Amino acid sequence: MPSNEPRGPRQIARAAIWSYQGLRAAWTHEASFRLEGWLFVIFFPLGLWLGQGGMEKAVLCGSLVLVLSAELLNSAVEAVVDKVSPEFHELAGRAKDMGSAAVFLLMLNVMLCWGLVLWPRFS
């Protein structure tokens, strides 16, 4: 769709459908996304329950959303790299490793956020 076309309900609906298809594809084809998805299902409500006030709830729950978002981007990078360069190439491997590292850093961020918010209450 050209960028100068007006955006309206039809385009928003199409974008929502494409987003759903991306989530479904990630769930179907990516074991890491499924694992992180189940952890999200457990920890998101826990974050809402444990968070005291809007900021804490946002930090606890938002950090989880970031992991899923990065995993989707990492999976997209891996799919494109595999399509463009099915044989091993150093740059292809580097791109995949960097995507994985981004997810890892956001997982560390989850632990940091949850630790900083909850540690004072339980220590």
Protein backbone atom coordinates (compact mmCIF):
# COMPACT_ATOMS: atom_id res chain seq x y z
CA MET A 1 0.00 0.00 0.00
CA PRO A 2 1.43 3.41 -0.92
CA SER A 3 2.31 5.52 2.10
CA ASN A 4 0.15 8.45 0.94
CA GLU A 5 -3.12 6.51 1.19
CA PRO A 6 -5.31 7.53 4.09
CA ARG A 7 -5.32 5.27 7.10
CA GLY A 8 -8.68 4.18 8.36
CA PRO A 9 -10.54 1.33 10.00
CA ARG A 10 -9.96 -1.04 7.05
CA GLN A 11 -6.17 -0.57 7.16
CA ILE A 12 -6.15 -0.90 10.95
CA ALA A 13 -8.13 -4.15 10.65
CA ARG A 14 -5.69 -5.47 8.02
CA ALA A 15 -2.72 -4.60 10.22
CA ALA A 16 -4.36 -6.40 13.16
CA ILE A 17 -4.89 -9.50 10.99
CA TRP A 18 -1.26 -9.45 9.84
CA SER A 19 -0.10 -9.05 13.43
CA TYR A 20 -2.25 -12.00 14.51
CA GLN A 21 -0.79 -14.08 11.66
CA GLY A 22 2.71 -13.19 12.85
CA LEU A 23 1.91 -14.20 16.43
CA ARG A 24 0.35 -17.45 15.23
CA ALA A 25 3.36 -18.22 13.01
CA ALA A 26 5.75 -17.56 15.89
CA TRP A 27 3.70 -19.80 18.20
CA THR A 28 3.56 -22.56 15.58
CA HIS A 29 7.18 -22.51 14.42
CA GLU A 30 9.28 -21.09 17.28
CA ALA A 31 9.81 -23.19 20.42
CA SER A 32 11.50 -20.26 22.18
CA PHE A 33 8.49 -18.04 21.57
CA ARG A 34 6.14 -20.72 22.96
CA LEU A 35 8.24 -21.05 26.12
CA GLU A 36 8.41 -17.30 26.60
CA GLY A 37 4.69 -17.10 25.84
CA TRP A 38 3.86 -19.56 28.63
CA LEU A 39 6.12 -17.65 31.01
CA PHE A 40 4.29 -14.48 29.99
CA VAL A 41 0.92 -16.10 30.74
CA ILE A 42 2.16 -16.97 34.24
CA PHE A 43 4.16 -13.86 35.12
CA PHE A 44 2.03 -11.09 33.58
CA PRO A 45 -0.90 -11.61 35.97
CA LEU A 46 1.61 -12.11 38.79
CA GLY A 47 3.18 -8.76 37.91
CA LEU A 48 -0.23 -7.09 38.00
CA TRP A 49 -0.89 -8.65 41.40
CA LEU A 50 2.53 -7.96 42.95
CA GLY A 51 3.03 -4.48 41.52
CA GLN A 52 2.14 -1.70 43.93
CA GLY A 53 0.89 1.15 41.80
CA GLY A 54 0.93 1.77 38.11
CA MET A 55 4.68 2.26 37.71
CA GLU A 56 5.61 -1.05 39.35
CA LYS A 57 2.96 -2.91 37.37
CA ALA A 58 4.23 -1.29 34.17
CA VAL A 59 7.84 -2.24 34.93
CA LEU A 60 7.00 -5.83 35.88
CA CYS A 61 4.62 -6.47 32.99
CA GLY A 62 6.28 -4.24 30.41
CA SER A 63 9.60 -6.00 30.78
CA LEU A 64 7.85 -9.25 29.82
CA VAL A 65 6.30 -7.70 26.72
CA LEU A 66 9.74 -6.54 25.59
CA VAL A 67 11.06 -10.11 25.65
CA LEU A 68 8.24 -11.35 23.43
CA SER A 69 8.72 -8.42 21.05
CA ALA A 70 12.45 -9.08 20.76
CA GLU A 71 11.81 -12.78 20.21
CA LEU A 72 9.47 -11.94 17.34
CA LEU A 73 12.11 -9.69 15.77
CA ASN A 74 14.81 -12.32 16.34
CA SER A 75 12.65 -14.96 14.67
CA ALA A 76 12.00 -12.62 11.74
CA VAL A 77 15.74 -11.99 11.31
CA GLU A 78 16.44 -15.73 11.42
CA ALA A 79 13.72 -16.46 8.84
CA VAL A 80 15.04 -13.83 6.44
CA VAL A 81 18.65 -14.94 6.91
CA ASP A 82 17.70 -18.58 6.27
CA LYS A 83 15.75 -17.58 3.14
CA VAL A 84 18.50 -15.38 1.70
CA SER A 85 21.48 -17.48 2.73
CA PRO A 86 20.62 -21.14 3.42
CA GLU A 87 24.30 -22.11 3.56
CA PHE A 88 26.43 -20.94 6.46
CA HIS A 89 27.95 -17.52 6.15
CA GLU A 90 29.80 -15.63 8.87
CA LEU A 91 27.58 -12.55 8.55
CA ALA A 92 24.42 -14.67 8.63
CA GLY A 93 25.62 -16.35 11.80
CA ARG A 94 26.52 -12.99 13.30
CA ALA A 95 23.05 -11.59 12.55
CA LYS A 96 21.39 -14.58 14.22
CA ASP A 97 23.69 -14.39 17.24
CA MET A 98 22.99 -10.68 17.67
CA GLY A 99 19.24 -11.28 17.57
CA SER A 100 19.63 -13.95 20.20
CA ALA A 101 21.78 -11.63 22.31
CA ALA A 102 19.05 -8.97 22.20
CA VAL A 103 16.53 -11.45 23.60
CA PHE A 104 19.03 -12.53 26.26
CA LEU A 105 19.65 -8.93 27.36
CA LEU A 106 15.92 -8.34 27.70
CA MET A 107 15.61 -11.50 29.79
CA LEU A 108 18.31 -10.10 32.06
CA ASN A 109 16.30 -6.88 32.14
CA VAL A 110 13.24 -8.86 33.34
CA MET A 111 15.26 -10.34 36.18
CA LEU A 112 16.70 -6.93 37.08
CA CYS A 113 13.28 -5.22 37.02
CA TRP A 114 11.56 -7.94 39.02
CA GLY A 115 14.47 -8.13 41.47
CA LEU A 116 14.62 -4.39 42.06
CA VAL A 117 10.86 -4.12 42.54
CA LEU A 118 10.34 -7.22 44.69
CA TRP A 119 13.62 -7.66 46.59
CA PRO A 120 12.90 -4.96 49.21
CA ARG A 121 9.56 -6.58 50.06
CA PHE A 122 10.90 -10.06 50.62
CA SER A 123 14.29 -9.34 52.17
